[in-house]
Amino acid sequence: MPILTVKVIARASQCAVVPQADGSFKIKLTQPAIEGRANEQLIALLAEHFHLSKSHIHIVGGAHTSIKRVKIDSESGS
């Protein structure tokens, strides 16, 4: 899969993956953006959303910002 652009909203009331018209995603997370907790939840949520293991989800840009670039490897090549 290509690299996705995601806008993360930490400390939301509930988790959600919301596709946007431009092909990006808005991701709502309940964890705060402290000590990587939101990033961990982001990886877990995207893995669940795409039915992949967490090892196939990689943050490749924006680890410390709300706009992130996420690479998703398909399991078919493994």
PDB file of N, CA and C in Angstrom:
ATOM      1  N   MET A   1       0.845  -1.191   0.000  1.00  0.00           N
ATOM      2  CA  MET A   1       0.000   0.000   0.000  1.00  0.00           C
ATOM      3  C   MET A   1       0.884   1.246   0.000  1.00  0.00           C
ATOM      4  N   PRO A   2       0.357   2.319  -0.466  1.00  0.00           N
ATOM      5  CA  PRO A   2       1.134   3.565  -0.474  1.00  0.00           C
ATOM      6  C   PRO A   2       1.276   4.137   0.935  1.00  0.00           C
ATOM      7  N   ILE A   3       2.030   5.186   1.019  1.00  0.00           N
ATOM      8  CA  ILE A   3       2.177   5.895   2.284  1.00  0.00           C
ATOM      9  C   ILE A   3       0.958   6.794   2.461  1.00  0.00           C
ATOM     10  N   LEU A   4       0.316   6.689   3.608  1.00  0.00           N
ATOM     11  CA  LEU A   4      -0.883   7.469   3.911  1.00  0.00           C
ATOM     12  C   LEU A   4      -0.529   8.721   4.690  1.00  0.00           C
ATOM     13  N   THR A   5      -1.294   9.768   4.488  1.00  0.00           N
ATOM     14  CA  THR A   5      -1.196  10.966   5.316  1.00  0.00           C
ATOM     15  C   THR A   5      -2.350  10.925   6.298  1.00  0.00           C
ATOM     16  N   VAL A   6      -2.036  11.064   7.586  1.00  0.00           N
ATOM     17  CA  VAL A   6      -3.079  11.040   8.610  1.00  0.00           C
ATOM     18  C   VAL A   6      -2.969  12.266   9.498  1.00  0.00           C
ATOM     19  N   LYS A   7      -4.110  12.778   9.900  1.00  0.00           N
ATOM     20  CA  LYS A   7      -4.200  13.880  10.867  1.00  0.00           C
ATOM     21  C   LYS A   7      -4.699  13.250  12.152  1.00  0.00           C
ATOM     22  N   VAL A   8      -3.885  13.306  13.195  1.00  0.00           N
ATOM     23  CA  VAL A   8      -4.211  12.670  14.462  1.00  0.00           C
ATOM     24  C   VAL A   8      -4.779  13.690  15.438  1.00  0.00           C
ATOM     25  N   ILE A   9      -5.880  13.312  16.061  1.00  0.00           N
ATOM     26  CA  ILE A   9      -6.470  14.110  17.129  1.00  0.00           C
ATOM     27  C   ILE A   9      -6.374  13.270  18.396  1.00  0.00           C
ATOM     28  N   ALA A  10      -5.466  13.650  19.289  1.00  0.00           N
ATOM     29  CA  ALA A  10      -5.272  12.920  20.540  1.00  0.00           C
ATOM     30  C   ALA A  10      -6.295  13.383  21.575  1.00  0.00           C
ATOM     31  N   ARG A  11      -6.504  12.537  22.567  1.00  0.00           N
ATOM     32  CA  ARG A  11      -7.441  12.808  23.668  1.00  0.00           C
ATOM     33  C   ARG A  11      -8.870  13.053  23.194  1.00  0.00           C
ATOM     34  N   ALA A  12      -9.281  12.357  22.161  1.00  0.00           N
ATOM     35  CA  ALA A  12     -10.672  12.427  21.705  1.00  0.00           C
ATOM     36  C   ALA A  12     -11.527  11.565  22.635  1.00  0.00           C
ATOM     37  N   SER A  13     -12.824  11.737  22.575  1.00  0.00           N
ATOM     38  CA  SER A  13     -13.704  10.971  23.455  1.00  0.00           C
ATOM     39  C   SER A  13     -13.799   9.509  23.040  1.00  0.00           C
ATOM     40  N   GLN A  14     -13.556   9.216  21.755  1.00  0.00           N
ATOM     41  CA  GLN A  14     -13.557   7.834  21.286  1.00  0.00           C
ATOM     42  C   GLN A  14     -12.638   7.699  20.079  1.00  0.00           C
ATOM     43  N   CYS A  15     -12.209   6.471  19.813  1.00  0.00           N
ATOM     44  CA  CYS A  15     -11.328   6.215  18.674  1.00  0.00           C
ATOM     45  C   CYS A  15     -12.147   6.115  17.395  1.00  0.00           C
ATOM     46  N   ALA A  16     -11.587   6.645  16.308  1.00  0.00           N
ATOM     47  CA  ALA A  16     -12.262   6.560  15.010  1.00  0.00           C
ATOM     48  C   ALA A  16     -11.258   6.767  13.888  1.00  0.00           C
ATOM     49  N   VAL A  17     -11.513   6.105  12.767  1.00  0.00           N
ATOM     50  CA  VAL A  17     -10.756   6.303  11.534  1.00  0.00           C
ATOM     51  C   VAL A  17     -11.736   6.911  10.537  1.00  0.00           C
ATOM     52  N   VAL A  18     -11.479   8.155  10.127  1.00  0.00           N
ATOM     53  CA  VAL A  18     -12.408   8.879   9.255  1.00  0.00           C
ATOM     54  C   VAL A  18     -11.708   9.205   7.934  1.00  0.00           C
ATOM     55  N   PRO A  19     -12.076   8.515   6.845  1.00  0.00           N
ATOM     56  CA  PRO A  19     -11.492   8.840   5.536  1.00  0.00           C
ATOM     57  C   PRO A  19     -11.895  10.248   5.101  1.00  0.00           C
ATOM     58  N   GLN A  20     -10.968  10.956   4.470  1.00  0.00           N
ATOM     59  CA  GLN A  20     -11.219  12.310   3.988  1.00  0.00           C
ATOM     60  C   GLN A  20     -11.336  12.290   2.461  1.00  0.00           C
ATOM     61  N   ALA A  21     -11.951  13.310   1.897  1.00  0.00           N
ATOM     62  CA  ALA A  21     -12.180  13.385   0.449  1.00  0.00           C
ATOM     63  C   ALA A  21     -10.878  13.397  -0.353  1.00  0.00           C
ATOM     64  N   ASP A  22      -9.801  13.922   0.241  1.00  0.00           N
ATOM     65  CA  ASP A  22      -8.524  14.014  -0.477  1.00  0.00           C
ATOM     66  C   ASP A  22      -7.686  12.734  -0.396  1.00  0.00           C
ATOM     67  N   GLY A  23      -8.229  11.667   0.197  1.00  0.00           N
ATOM     68  CA  GLY A  23      -7.508  10.403   0.302  1.00  0.00           C
ATOM     69  C   GLY A  23      -6.741  10.232   1.599  1.00  0.00           C
ATOM     70  N   SER A  24      -6.682  11.269   2.412  1.00  0.00           N
ATOM     71  CA  SER A  24      -6.022  11.164   3.712  1.00  0.00           C
ATOM     72  C   SER A  24      -7.035  10.638   4.736  1.00  0.00           C
ATOM     73  N   PHE A  25      -6.584  10.503   5.974  1.00  0.00           N
ATOM     74  CA  PHE A  25      -7.452  10.025   7.041  1.00  0.00           C
ATOM     75  C   PHE A  25      -7.359  10.961   8.234  1.00  0.00           C
ATOM     76  N   LYS A  26      -8.474  11.148   8.910  1.00  0.00           N
ATOM     77  CA  LYS A  26      -8.480  11.814  10.210  1.00  0.00           C
ATOM     78  C   LYS A  26      -8.635  10.692  11.231  1.00  0.00           C
ATOM     79  N   ILE A  27      -7.706  10.632  12.179  1.00  0.00           N
ATOM     80  CA  ILE A  27      -7.696   9.568  13.172  1.00  0.00           C
ATOM     81  C   ILE A  27      -7.925  10.181  14.549  1.00  0.00           C
ATOM     82  N   LYS A  28      -8.964   9.725  15.232  1.00  0.00           N
ATOM     83  CA  LYS A  28      -9.249  10.189  16.587  1.00  0.00           C
ATOM     84  C   LYS A  28      -8.781   9.116  17.562  1.00  0.00           C
ATOM     85  N   LEU A  29      -7.971   9.538  18.538  1.00  0.00           N
ATOM     86  CA  LEU A  29      -7.400   8.626  19.523  1.00  0.00           C
ATOM     87  C   LEU A  29      -7.752   9.087  20.924  1.00  0.00           C
ATOM     88  N   THR A  30      -7.915   8.149  21.846  1.00  0.00           N
ATOM     89  CA  THR A  30      -8.222   8.511  23.230  1.00  0.00           C
ATOM     90  C   THR A  30      -6.966   8.771  24.050  1.00  0.00           C
ATOM     91  N   GLN A  31      -5.829   8.256  23.617  1.00  0.00           N
ATOM     92  CA  GLN A  31      -4.579   8.434  24.362  1.00  0.00           C
ATOM     93  C   GLN A  31      -4.014   9.838  24.150  1.00  0.00           C
ATOM     94  N   PRO A  32      -3.318  10.370  25.160  1.00  0.00           N
ATOM     95  CA  PRO A  32      -2.662  11.671  24.986  1.00  0.00           C
ATOM     96  C   PRO A  32      -1.377  11.517  24.172  1.00  0.00           C
ATOM     97  N   ALA A  33      -0.932  12.609  23.590  1.00  0.00           N
ATOM     98  CA  ALA A  33       0.309  12.609  22.805  1.00  0.00           C
ATOM     99  C   ALA A  33       1.499  12.791  23.739  1.00  0.00           C
ATOM    100  N   ILE A  34       1.652  11.874  24.662  1.00  0.00           N
ATOM    101  CA  ILE A  34       2.720  11.909  25.664  1.00  0.00           C
ATOM    102  C   ILE A  34       3.431  10.563  25.648  1.00  0.00           C
ATOM    103  N   GLU A  35       4.766  10.598  25.597  1.00  0.00           N
ATOM    104  CA  GLU A  35       5.607   9.401  25.669  1.00  0.00           C
ATOM    105  C   GLU A  35       5.235   8.354  24.621  1.00  0.00           C
ATOM    106  N   GLY A  36       4.786   8.795  23.455  1.00  0.00           N
ATOM    107  CA  GLY A  36       4.486   7.881  22.365  1.00  0.00           C
ATOM    108  C   GLY A  36       3.202   7.079  22.508  1.00  0.00           C
ATOM    109  N   ARG A  37       2.392   7.387  23.513  1.00  0.00           N
ATOM    110  CA  ARG A  37       1.173   6.602  23.737  1.00  0.00           C
ATOM    111  C   ARG A  37       0.179   6.758  22.590  1.00  0.00           C
ATOM    112  N   ALA A  38       0.021   7.964  22.063  1.00  0.00           N
ATOM    113  CA  ALA A  38      -0.892   8.168  20.932  1.00  0.00           C
ATOM    114  C   ALA A  38      -0.370   7.447  19.686  1.00  0.00           C
ATOM    115  N   ASN A  39       0.932   7.465  19.461  1.00  0.00           N
ATOM    116  CA  ASN A  39       1.504   6.762  18.306  1.00  0.00           C
ATOM    117  C   ASN A  39       1.270   5.257  18.406  1.00  0.00           C
ATOM    118  N   GLU A  40       1.417   4.700  19.603  1.00  0.00           N
ATOM    119  CA  GLU A  40       1.168   3.275  19.805  1.00  0.00           C
ATOM    120  C   GLU A  40      -0.290   2.944  19.515  1.00  0.00           C
ATOM    121  N   GLN A  41      -1.196   3.802  19.994  1.00  0.00           N
ATOM    122  CA  GLN A  41      -2.614   3.567  19.748  1.00  0.00           C
ATOM    123  C   GLN A  41      -2.938   3.737  18.259  1.00  0.00           C
ATOM    124  N   LEU A  42      -2.290   4.687  17.599  1.00  0.00           N
ATOM    125  CA  LEU A  42      -2.481   4.889  16.160  1.00  0.00           C
ATOM    126  C   LEU A  42      -2.117   3.624  15.390  1.00  0.00           C
ATOM    127  N   ILE A  43      -0.976   3.044  15.689  1.00  0.00           N
ATOM    128  CA  ILE A  43      -0.533   1.824  15.008  1.00  0.00           C
ATOM    129  C   ILE A  43      -1.520   0.689  15.248  1.00  0.00           C
ATOM    130  N   ALA A  44      -1.963   0.526  16.487  1.00  0.00           N
ATOM    131  CA  ALA A  44      -2.916  -0.536  16.809  1.00  0.00           C
ATOM    132  C   ALA A  44      -4.251  -0.328  16.095  1.00  0.00           C
ATOM    133  N   LEU A  45      -4.731   0.908  16.066  1.00  0.00           N
ATOM    134  CA  LEU A  45      -6.014   1.206  15.427  1.00  0.00           C
ATOM    135  C   LEU A  45      -5.949   0.990  13.915  1.00  0.00           C
ATOM    136  N   LEU A  46      -4.868   1.441  13.278  1.00  0.00           N
ATOM    137  CA  LEU A  46      -4.728   1.233  11.833  1.00  0.00           C
ATOM    138  C   LEU A  46      -4.566  -0.251  11.500  1.00  0.00           C
ATOM    139  N   ALA A  47      -3.849  -0.986  12.330  1.00  0.00           N
ATOM    140  CA  ALA A  47      -3.700  -2.427  12.110  1.00  0.00           C
ATOM    141  C   ALA A  47      -5.066  -3.110  12.165  1.00  0.00           C
ATOM    142  N   GLU A  48      -5.876  -2.727  13.126  1.00  0.00           N
ATOM    143  CA  GLU A  48      -7.225  -3.288  13.233  1.00  0.00           C
ATOM    144  C   GLU A  48      -8.079  -2.874  12.026  1.00  0.00           C
ATOM    145  N   HIS A  49      -8.003  -1.616  11.645  1.00  0.00           N
ATOM    146  CA  HIS A  49      -8.802  -1.091  10.531  1.00  0.00           C
ATOM    147  C   HIS A  49      -8.482  -1.802   9.213  1.00  0.00           C
ATOM    148  N   PHE A  50      -7.198  -2.041   8.951  1.00  0.00           N
ATOM    149  CA  PHE A  50      -6.780  -2.675   7.705  1.00  0.00           C
ATOM    150  C   PHE A  50      -6.617  -4.194   7.827  1.00  0.00           C
ATOM    151  N   HIS A  51      -6.953  -4.763   8.983  1.00  0.00           N
ATOM    152  CA  HIS A  51      -6.873  -6.208   9.224  1.00  0.00           C
ATOM    153  C   HIS A  51      -5.460  -6.736   9.000  1.00  0.00           C
ATOM    154  N   LEU A  52      -4.488  -6.045   9.588  1.00  0.00           N
ATOM    155  CA  LEU A  52      -3.081  -6.429   9.506  1.00  0.00           C
ATOM    156  C   LEU A  52      -2.505  -6.511  10.911  1.00  0.00           C
ATOM    157  N   SER A  53      -1.330  -7.123  11.036  1.00  0.00           N
ATOM    158  CA  SER A  53      -0.647  -7.102  12.322  1.00  0.00           C
ATOM    159  C   SER A  53       0.043  -5.749  12.498  1.00  0.00           C
ATOM    160  N   LYS A  54       0.295  -5.382  13.743  1.00  0.00           N
ATOM    161  CA  LYS A  54       0.917  -4.085  14.034  1.00  0.00           C
ATOM    162  C   LYS A  54       2.300  -3.954  13.410  1.00  0.00           C
ATOM    163  N   SER A  55       2.975  -5.068  13.171  1.00  0.00           N
ATOM    164  CA  SER A  55       4.321  -5.014  12.587  1.00  0.00           C
ATOM    165  C   SER A  55       4.308  -4.530  11.133  1.00  0.00           C
ATOM    166  N   HIS A  56       3.142  -4.443  10.520  1.00  0.00           N
ATOM    167  CA  HIS A  56       3.030  -3.977   9.131  1.00  0.00           C
ATOM    168  C   HIS A  56       2.717  -2.490   9.037  1.00  0.00           C
ATOM    169  N   ILE A  57       2.604  -1.803  10.174  1.00  0.00           N
ATOM    170  CA  ILE A  57       2.288  -0.377  10.201  1.00  0.00           C
ATOM    171  C   ILE A  57       3.520   0.372  10.706  1.00  0.00           C
ATOM    172  N   HIS A  58       3.977   1.379   9.953  1.00  0.00           N
ATOM    173  CA  HIS A  58       5.181   2.126  10.323  1.00  0.00           C
ATOM    174  C   HIS A  58       4.947   3.622  10.159  1.00  0.00           C
ATOM    175  N   ILE A  59       5.251   4.396  11.199  1.00  0.00           N
ATOM    176  CA  ILE A  59       5.214   5.851  11.083  1.00  0.00           C
ATOM    177  C   ILE A  59       6.541   6.266  10.460  1.00  0.00           C
ATOM    178  N   VAL A  60       6.491   6.828   9.252  1.00  0.00           N
ATOM    179  CA  VAL A  60       7.715   7.190   8.540  1.00  0.00           C
ATOM    180  C   VAL A  60       7.975   8.689   8.554  1.00  0.00           C
ATOM    181  N   GLY A  61       7.044   9.461   9.071  1.00  0.00           N
ATOM    182  CA  GLY A  61       7.241  10.905   9.166  1.00  0.00           C
ATOM    183  C   GLY A  61       6.230  11.521  10.112  1.00  0.00           C
ATOM    184  N   GLY A  62       6.661  12.527  10.850  1.00  0.00           N
ATOM    185  CA  GLY A  62       5.753  13.245  11.736  1.00  0.00           C
ATOM    186  C   GLY A  62       5.492  12.566  13.059  1.00  0.00           C
ATOM    187  N   ALA A  63       6.442  11.800  13.564  1.00  0.00           N
ATOM    188  CA  ALA A  63       6.235  11.074  14.816  1.00  0.00           C
ATOM    189  C   ALA A  63       5.913  11.997  15.987  1.00  0.00           C
ATOM    190  N   HIS A  64       6.334  13.257  15.910  1.00  0.00           N
ATOM    191  CA  HIS A  64       6.100  14.195  17.010  1.00  0.00           C
ATOM    192  C   HIS A  64       5.153  15.326  16.619  1.00  0.00           C
ATOM    193  N   THR A  65       4.373  15.125  15.554  1.00  0.00           N
ATOM    194  CA  THR A  65       3.412  16.141  15.123  1.00  0.00           C
ATOM    195  C   THR A  65       2.051  15.484  14.899  1.00  0.00           C
ATOM    196  N   SER A  66       1.020  16.295  14.704  1.00  0.00           N
ATOM    197  CA  SER A  66      -0.318  15.733  14.495  1.00  0.00           C
ATOM    198  C   SER A  66      -0.538  15.257  13.058  1.00  0.00           C
ATOM    199  N   ILE A  67       0.245  15.758  12.110  1.00  0.00           N
ATOM    200  CA  ILE A  67       0.169  15.276  10.725  1.00  0.00           C
ATOM    201  C   ILE A  67       1.285  14.251  10.543  1.00  0.00           C
ATOM    202  N   LYS A  68       0.905  13.020  10.209  1.00  0.00           N
ATOM    203  CA  LYS A  68       1.880  11.938  10.122  1.00  0.00           C
ATOM    204  C   LYS A  68       1.813  11.272   8.753  1.00  0.00           C
ATOM    205  N   ARG A  69       2.915  10.644   8.372  1.00  0.00           N
ATOM    206  CA  ARG A  69       2.985   9.818   7.167  1.00  0.00           C
ATOM    207  C   ARG A  69       3.163   8.385   7.657  1.00  0.00           C
ATOM    208  N   VAL A  70       2.264   7.519   7.229  1.00  0.00           N
ATOM    209  CA  VAL A  70       2.244   6.142   7.717  1.00  0.00           C
ATOM    210  C   VAL A  70       2.350   5.184   6.538  1.00  0.00           C
ATOM    211  N   LYS A  71       3.313   4.279   6.617  1.00  0.00           N
ATOM    212  CA  LYS A  71       3.492   3.252   5.586  1.00  0.00           C
ATOM    213  C   LYS A  71       2.807   1.979   6.065  1.00  0.00           C
ATOM    214  N   ILE A  72       2.032   1.381   5.172  1.00  0.00           N
ATOM    215  CA  ILE A  72       1.336   0.141   5.495  1.00  0.00           C
ATOM    216  C   ILE A  72       1.819  -0.930   4.530  1.00  0.00           C
ATOM    217  N   ASP A  73       2.487  -1.950   5.079  1.00  0.00           N
ATOM    218  CA  ASP A  73       2.963  -3.071   4.274  1.00  0.00           C
ATOM    219  C   ASP A  73       1.884  -4.139   4.252  1.00  0.00           C
ATOM    220  N   SER A  74       1.579  -4.667   3.075  1.00  0.00           N
ATOM    221  CA  SER A  74       0.601  -5.752   3.001  1.00  0.00           C
ATOM    222  C   SER A  74       1.274  -7.051   3.421  1.00  0.00           C
ATOM    223  N   GLU A  75       0.492  -7.974   3.948  1.00  0.00           N
ATOM    224  CA  GLU A  75       1.035  -9.247   4.402  1.00  0.00           C
ATOM    225  C   GLU A  75       1.312 -10.203   3.253  1.00  0.00           C
ATOM    226  N   SER A  76       0.813  -9.907   2.066  1.00  0.00           N
ATOM    227  CA  SER A  76       0.987 -10.817   0.937  1.00  0.00           C
ATOM    228  C   SER A  76       2.451 -10.990   0.535  1.00  0.00           C
ATOM    229  N   GLY A  77       3.278  -9.986   0.804  1.00  0.00           N
ATOM    230  CA  GLY A  77       4.685 -10.073   0.452  1.00  0.00           C
ATOM    231  C   GLY A  77       5.543 -10.725   1.504  1.00  0.00           C
ATOM    232  N   SER A  78       4.983 -11.079   2.654  1.00  0.00           N
ATOM    233  CA  SER A  78       5.766 -11.644   3.755  1.00  0.00           C
ATOM    234  C   SER A  78       5.726 -13.141   3.762  1.00  0.00           C
TER     235      SER A  78
END
